[in-house]
Amino acid sequence: MIQAVNYIRPLIGWSLPHLMECSDGNLYVVKLSSNPQGVRALANEMISCWIAKRLNLPVPDSQVIYIHDTLRIQYLNLGYNLGHGPHFGSRYVPDCTHQPTDVELAGCINITQAADMIAFDHWLDNNDRYLWQESGQNILVSRGEFPKLWMIDNANIFSGPNWTVQSMLSSVSMHRTFWGPLYAKFVPFLDGPDPFGKAIANIKALPIGDLLEVMAVMPIEWGVTHEEITAVSYALNSRNKNLPYWLSLLQANFPVWKGHSEGCDKV
């Protein structure tokens, strides 16, 4: 069990996260069970992290975090209700920016993983990363000798945390594509004859049936049942068959890809 032992400060974000030092010696960005989206947002974060890690996507390590009673009572007396656990924590990425410039994006050693990120978002129906928001993006760029692109804040997979078994099964054939200012910034680094081919292949190779393993670490307090995770597994296994078509609808935003496809059509 990992416990928060030292409260550092509140962080900016719609989910009202907090920076805490935990019993394993690491700093975590902790999303509380009392966050505005509700406790199932934490379940979405855990599911997305489980999948992303198995796809080797750049997500910070995550843990279920409990807040030590001493710390909780101390801050309750100061007017901060940190609540009882369990909460969701992701490892803090130091020296980073939520508002990367084009130059900072170009310097990322893993910038081509933006293709995997876009494919991931469409596969899991993650409906808010493509936007460019004044308060910050659902990505980070860490600075230093080897700048890196990170994916964060995945609570809106499955169109948000209020999904049900029925909505999950209905999502199998749901056709939604996302495009916006953030995704557009990645085009110069991804455009080519087949920008999403590798990402699609990686997703298709993932044994998504193993997702049931997440139930072994999912806190019961987060309210997700075995039946619901089974529905997620079924839906994602079915949605990956539609993923190539959904991503092909983005082709107009990629000049090289579009031109290559049109050239092939003329042959």
Protein backbone atom coordinates (compact mmCIF):
# COMPACT_ATOMS: atom_id res chain seq x y z
CA MET A 1 0.00 0.00 0.00
CA ILE A 2 1.35 3.41 -1.00
CA GLN A 3 0.39 6.27 1.27
CA ALA A 4 0.69 10.02 0.82
CA VAL A 5 2.88 11.23 3.67
CA ASN A 6 3.55 14.86 2.76
CA TYR A 7 1.29 17.38 1.07
CA ILE A 8 3.21 19.67 -1.31
CA ARG A 9 0.68 21.92 -3.05
CA PRO A 10 -2.48 22.02 -5.15
CA LEU A 11 -2.00 21.83 -8.90
CA ILE A 12 -3.79 23.54 -11.77
CA GLY A 13 -6.39 21.44 -13.53
CA TRP A 14 -10.11 20.89 -13.86
CA SER A 15 -9.86 17.69 -11.81
CA LEU A 16 -8.31 19.68 -8.92
CA PRO A 17 -5.22 17.45 -8.52
CA HIS A 18 -2.68 17.73 -5.71
CA LEU A 19 1.05 17.13 -5.55
CA MET A 20 2.03 14.78 -2.73
CA GLU A 21 5.10 12.93 -1.55
CA CYS A 22 4.32 9.28 -0.98
CA SER A 23 5.68 6.44 1.11
CA ASP A 24 7.74 5.01 -1.77
CA GLY A 25 9.77 8.23 -1.82
CA ASN A 26 8.28 9.55 -5.06
CA LEU A 27 6.15 12.58 -5.85
CA TYR A 28 2.71 11.90 -7.32
CA VAL A 29 0.03 13.98 -8.95
CA VAL A 30 -2.97 12.73 -6.98
CA LYS A 31 -6.49 12.86 -8.39
CA LEU A 32 -8.87 12.53 -5.45
CA SER A 33 -11.95 10.33 -5.32
CA SER A 34 -13.88 13.57 -4.73
CA ASN A 35 -12.77 15.06 -8.07
CA PRO A 36 -15.48 16.87 -10.10
CA GLN A 37 -15.97 13.95 -12.51
CA GLY A 38 -16.55 11.46 -9.72
CA VAL A 39 -14.83 8.33 -8.52
CA ARG A 40 -15.18 6.44 -11.81
CA ALA A 41 -12.83 8.95 -13.41
CA LEU A 42 -10.13 7.22 -11.37
CA ALA A 43 -11.13 3.88 -12.89
CA ASN A 44 -10.81 5.36 -16.37
CA GLU A 45 -7.35 6.63 -15.48
CA MET A 46 -6.30 3.17 -14.32
CA ILE A 47 -7.70 1.40 -17.38
CA SER A 48 -6.07 3.86 -19.78
CA CYS A 49 -2.73 3.60 -18.00
CA TRP A 50 -2.88 -0.22 -18.06
CA ILE A 51 -3.49 -0.20 -21.83
CA ALA A 52 -1.00 2.58 -22.59
CA LYS A 53 1.80 0.87 -20.69
CA ARG A 54 1.28 -2.33 -22.69
CA LEU A 55 1.47 -0.31 -25.89
CA ASN A 56 4.69 1.34 -24.66
CA LEU A 57 3.03 4.74 -24.79
CA PRO A 58 4.57 7.58 -22.76
CA VAL A 59 2.38 7.71 -19.66
CA PRO A 60 3.80 8.30 -16.18
CA ASP A 61 3.80 5.33 -13.81
CA SER A 62 0.66 5.18 -11.72
CA GLN A 63 -0.37 3.87 -8.31
CA VAL A 64 -3.40 3.64 -6.07
CA ILE A 65 -2.73 6.19 -3.33
CA TYR A 66 -4.06 6.24 0.22
CA ILE A 67 -3.76 9.40 2.28
CA HIS A 68 -2.32 8.85 5.75
CA ASP A 69 -4.87 9.74 8.45
CA THR A 70 -2.40 12.09 10.15
CA LEU A 71 -1.95 14.04 6.93
CA ARG A 72 -5.66 14.03 6.15
CA ILE A 73 -6.63 15.32 9.59
CA GLN A 74 -3.87 17.94 9.54
CA TYR A 75 -5.20 19.46 6.33
CA LEU A 76 -8.84 19.01 7.30
CA ASN A 77 -8.10 21.34 10.23
CA LEU A 78 -6.76 23.85 7.72
CA GLY A 79 -9.92 23.65 5.64
CA TYR A 80 -8.72 21.16 3.00
CA ASN A 81 -10.73 17.94 2.74
CA LEU A 82 -8.39 15.45 1.12
CA GLY A 83 -10.84 12.65 1.78
CA HIS A 84 -10.27 8.98 2.48
CA GLY A 85 -8.62 6.73 -0.06
CA PRO A 86 -8.20 5.14 -2.41
CA HIS A 87 -7.17 7.81 -4.90
CA PHE A 88 -5.31 7.71 -8.22
CA GLY A 89 -1.75 8.93 -8.46
CA SER A 90 0.58 9.36 -11.41
CA ARG A 91 4.29 10.00 -11.03
CA TYR A 92 5.13 13.68 -11.10
CA VAL A 93 7.09 14.78 -14.17
CA PRO A 94 9.42 17.63 -13.08
CA ASP A 95 10.57 20.55 -15.21
CA CYS A 96 7.83 20.25 -17.79
CA THR A 97 5.28 22.37 -19.63
CA HIS A 98 1.57 21.91 -20.37
CA GLN A 99 1.81 24.52 -23.14
CA PRO A 100 4.67 23.36 -25.38
CA THR A 101 5.79 25.51 -28.27
CA ASP A 102 6.33 24.07 -31.73
CA VAL A 103 10.07 24.21 -31.07
CA GLU A 104 9.66 22.26 -27.83
CA LEU A 105 7.56 19.64 -29.59
CA ALA A 106 10.16 19.34 -32.35
CA GLY A 107 12.83 18.65 -29.73
CA CYS A 108 11.02 15.68 -28.17
CA ILE A 109 12.95 12.44 -28.62
CA ASN A 110 9.67 10.52 -28.97
CA ILE A 111 7.61 12.99 -31.04
CA THR A 112 6.61 10.26 -33.52
CA GLN A 113 4.67 8.61 -30.68
CA ALA A 114 2.09 11.33 -31.24
CA ALA A 115 0.72 8.97 -33.91
CA ASP A 116 0.24 6.27 -31.28
CA MET A 117 -1.44 8.82 -29.02
CA ILE A 118 -3.93 9.89 -31.70
CA ALA A 119 -4.70 6.24 -32.51
CA PHE A 120 -5.11 5.49 -28.79
CA ASP A 121 -7.55 8.39 -28.40
CA HIS A 122 -9.71 7.20 -31.29
CA TRP A 123 -9.64 3.57 -30.17
CA LEU A 124 -10.71 4.48 -26.62
CA ASP A 125 -13.01 7.35 -27.66
CA ASN A 126 -10.98 9.87 -25.68
CA ASN A 127 -12.75 13.07 -26.59
CA ASP A 128 -10.72 15.97 -25.20
CA ARG A 129 -7.01 15.68 -25.98
CA TYR A 130 -7.23 17.12 -29.51
CA LEU A 131 -8.22 20.54 -28.17
CA TRP A 132 -5.83 23.38 -27.40
CA GLN A 133 -6.83 24.80 -24.03
CA GLU A 134 -5.60 27.94 -22.34
CA SER A 135 -5.41 26.14 -19.00
CA GLY A 136 -3.05 23.52 -20.40
CA GLN A 137 -3.10 20.41 -22.56
CA ASN A 138 -3.55 16.72 -21.78
CA ILE A 139 0.08 16.29 -22.70
CA LEU A 140 3.34 17.32 -21.11
CA VAL A 141 6.74 18.02 -22.56
CA SER A 142 9.56 17.41 -20.12
CA ARG A 143 12.63 19.55 -20.61
CA GLY A 144 16.26 18.66 -20.05
CA GLU A 145 18.90 16.93 -22.16
CA PHE A 146 16.33 14.55 -23.70
CA PRO A 147 12.93 16.30 -23.91
CA LYS A 148 10.01 13.89 -23.99
CA LEU A 149 6.31 13.98 -24.87
CA TRP A 150 3.97 12.54 -22.22
CA MET A 151 0.27 11.62 -22.24
CA ILE A 152 -1.69 12.64 -19.14
CA ASP A 153 -5.29 13.07 -17.96
CA ASN A 154 -7.14 10.20 -19.61
CA ALA A 155 -10.34 10.31 -17.55
CA ASN A 156 -12.42 11.05 -20.64
CA ILE A 157 -11.84 7.73 -22.38
CA PHE A 158 -15.13 6.04 -23.28
CA SER A 159 -16.62 9.55 -23.68
CA GLY A 160 -16.22 10.13 -19.95
CA PRO A 161 -16.50 8.15 -16.73
CA ASN A 162 -20.28 7.67 -16.72
CA TRP A 163 -20.24 4.78 -19.18
CA THR A 164 -22.30 1.63 -18.67
CA VAL A 165 -22.23 -1.90 -20.05
CA GLN A 166 -24.87 -0.90 -22.60
CA SER A 167 -23.09 2.26 -23.73
CA MET A 168 -19.84 0.31 -24.00
CA LEU A 169 -21.42 -2.32 -26.22
CA SER A 170 -23.10 0.39 -28.31
CA SER A 171 -19.72 2.09 -28.85
CA VAL A 172 -18.50 -0.81 -30.99
CA SER A 173 -19.86 0.73 -34.16
CA MET A 174 -19.86 4.36 -32.99
CA HIS A 175 -18.15 6.55 -35.57
CA ARG A 176 -16.44 9.60 -34.07
CA THR A 177 -13.25 11.22 -35.21
CA PHE A 178 -11.42 14.00 -33.44
CA TRP A 179 -9.34 16.79 -34.91
CA GLY A 180 -8.21 20.07 -33.47
CA PRO A 181 -5.33 22.47 -32.84
CA LEU A 182 -3.23 20.12 -30.71
CA TYR A 183 -3.33 17.24 -33.18
CA ALA A 184 -2.58 19.70 -35.99
CA LYS A 185 0.71 20.60 -34.30
CA PHE A 186 1.87 16.99 -34.75
CA VAL A 187 1.31 16.84 -38.53
CA PRO A 188 4.83 18.00 -39.57
CA PHE A 189 6.37 15.20 -37.51
CA LEU A 190 4.02 12.41 -38.60
CA ASP A 191 2.98 13.07 -42.19
CA GLY A 192 3.95 10.36 -44.62
CA PRO A 193 2.50 7.57 -46.76
CA ASP A 194 1.10 5.69 -43.76
CA PRO A 195 1.39 7.73 -40.54
CA PHE A 196 -0.78 5.43 -38.40
CA GLY A 197 0.14 2.01 -39.80
CA LYS A 198 2.52 1.07 -36.98
CA ALA A 199 0.18 2.37 -34.28
CA ILE A 200 -2.73 0.34 -35.67
CA ALA A 201 -0.59 -2.79 -35.89
CA ASN A 202 0.48 -2.40 -32.25
CA ILE A 203 -3.11 -2.01 -31.09
CA LYS A 204 -4.27 -5.04 -33.07
CA ALA A 205 -1.48 -7.14 -31.55
CA LEU A 206 -2.43 -6.25 -27.96
CA PRO A 207 -4.15 -9.15 -26.14
CA ILE A 208 -6.96 -6.96 -24.86
CA GLY A 209 -8.59 -9.96 -23.13
CA ASP A 210 -5.86 -9.56 -20.52
CA LEU A 211 -7.59 -6.35 -19.43
CA LEU A 212 -9.43 -8.45 -16.85
CA GLU A 213 -6.13 -8.39 -14.93
CA VAL A 214 -6.91 -4.80 -14.00
CA MET A 215 -9.65 -6.04 -11.67
CA ALA A 216 -6.94 -7.45 -9.40
CA VAL A 217 -5.72 -3.94 -8.59
CA MET A 218 -8.87 -1.87 -9.17
CA PRO A 219 -10.18 -0.67 -5.77
CA ILE A 220 -13.76 -1.81 -5.19
CA GLU A 221 -14.55 1.73 -4.00
CA TRP A 222 -14.25 2.96 -7.58
CA GLY A 223 -17.44 1.10 -8.46
CA VAL A 224 -16.38 -0.87 -11.56
CA THR A 225 -17.64 -4.45 -11.82
CA HIS A 226 -16.20 -7.53 -13.49
CA GLU A 227 -19.12 -7.41 -15.95
CA GLU A 228 -18.21 -3.86 -16.94
CA ILE A 229 -14.54 -4.67 -17.53
CA THR A 230 -15.62 -7.65 -19.64
CA ALA A 231 -17.76 -5.25 -21.70
CA VAL A 232 -14.76 -2.91 -22.11
CA SER A 233 -12.62 -5.82 -23.29
CA TYR A 234 -15.25 -6.88 -25.83
CA ALA A 235 -15.83 -3.34 -27.09
CA LEU A 236 -12.14 -2.54 -27.57
CA ASN A 237 -11.51 -5.84 -29.29
CA SER A 238 -14.31 -4.98 -31.71
CA ARG A 239 -13.40 -1.29 -32.11
CA ASN A 240 -9.88 -2.08 -33.24
CA LYS A 241 -11.38 -3.57 -36.41
CA ASN A 242 -12.91 -0.17 -37.25
CA LEU A 243 -9.89 1.86 -36.19
CA PRO A 244 -8.12 1.93 -39.60
CA TYR A 245 -11.24 3.39 -41.22
CA TRP A 246 -11.78 5.97 -38.47
CA LEU A 247 -8.18 7.15 -38.73
CA SER A 248 -8.37 7.25 -42.53
CA LEU A 249 -10.95 10.02 -42.14
CA LEU A 250 -8.13 12.26 -40.85
CA GLN A 251 -6.27 11.99 -44.16
CA ALA A 252 -7.30 15.45 -45.38
CA ASN A 253 -5.20 16.95 -42.57
CA PHE A 254 -2.01 15.20 -43.76
CA PRO A 255 -0.86 16.55 -47.16
CA VAL A 256 1.72 13.82 -47.88
CA TRP A 257 -0.58 11.01 -46.79
CA LYS A 258 -3.45 12.46 -48.81
CA GLY A 259 -1.26 12.91 -51.89
CA HIS A 260 0.16 9.41 -51.61
CA SER A 261 -3.32 7.91 -51.32
CA GLU A 262 -4.59 9.90 -54.32
CA GLY A 263 -1.56 8.80 -56.34
CA CYS A 264 -2.21 5.16 -55.51
CA ASP A 265 -5.85 5.55 -56.54
CA LYS A 266 -4.75 6.74 -59.98
CA VAL A 267 -2.46 3.77 -60.58
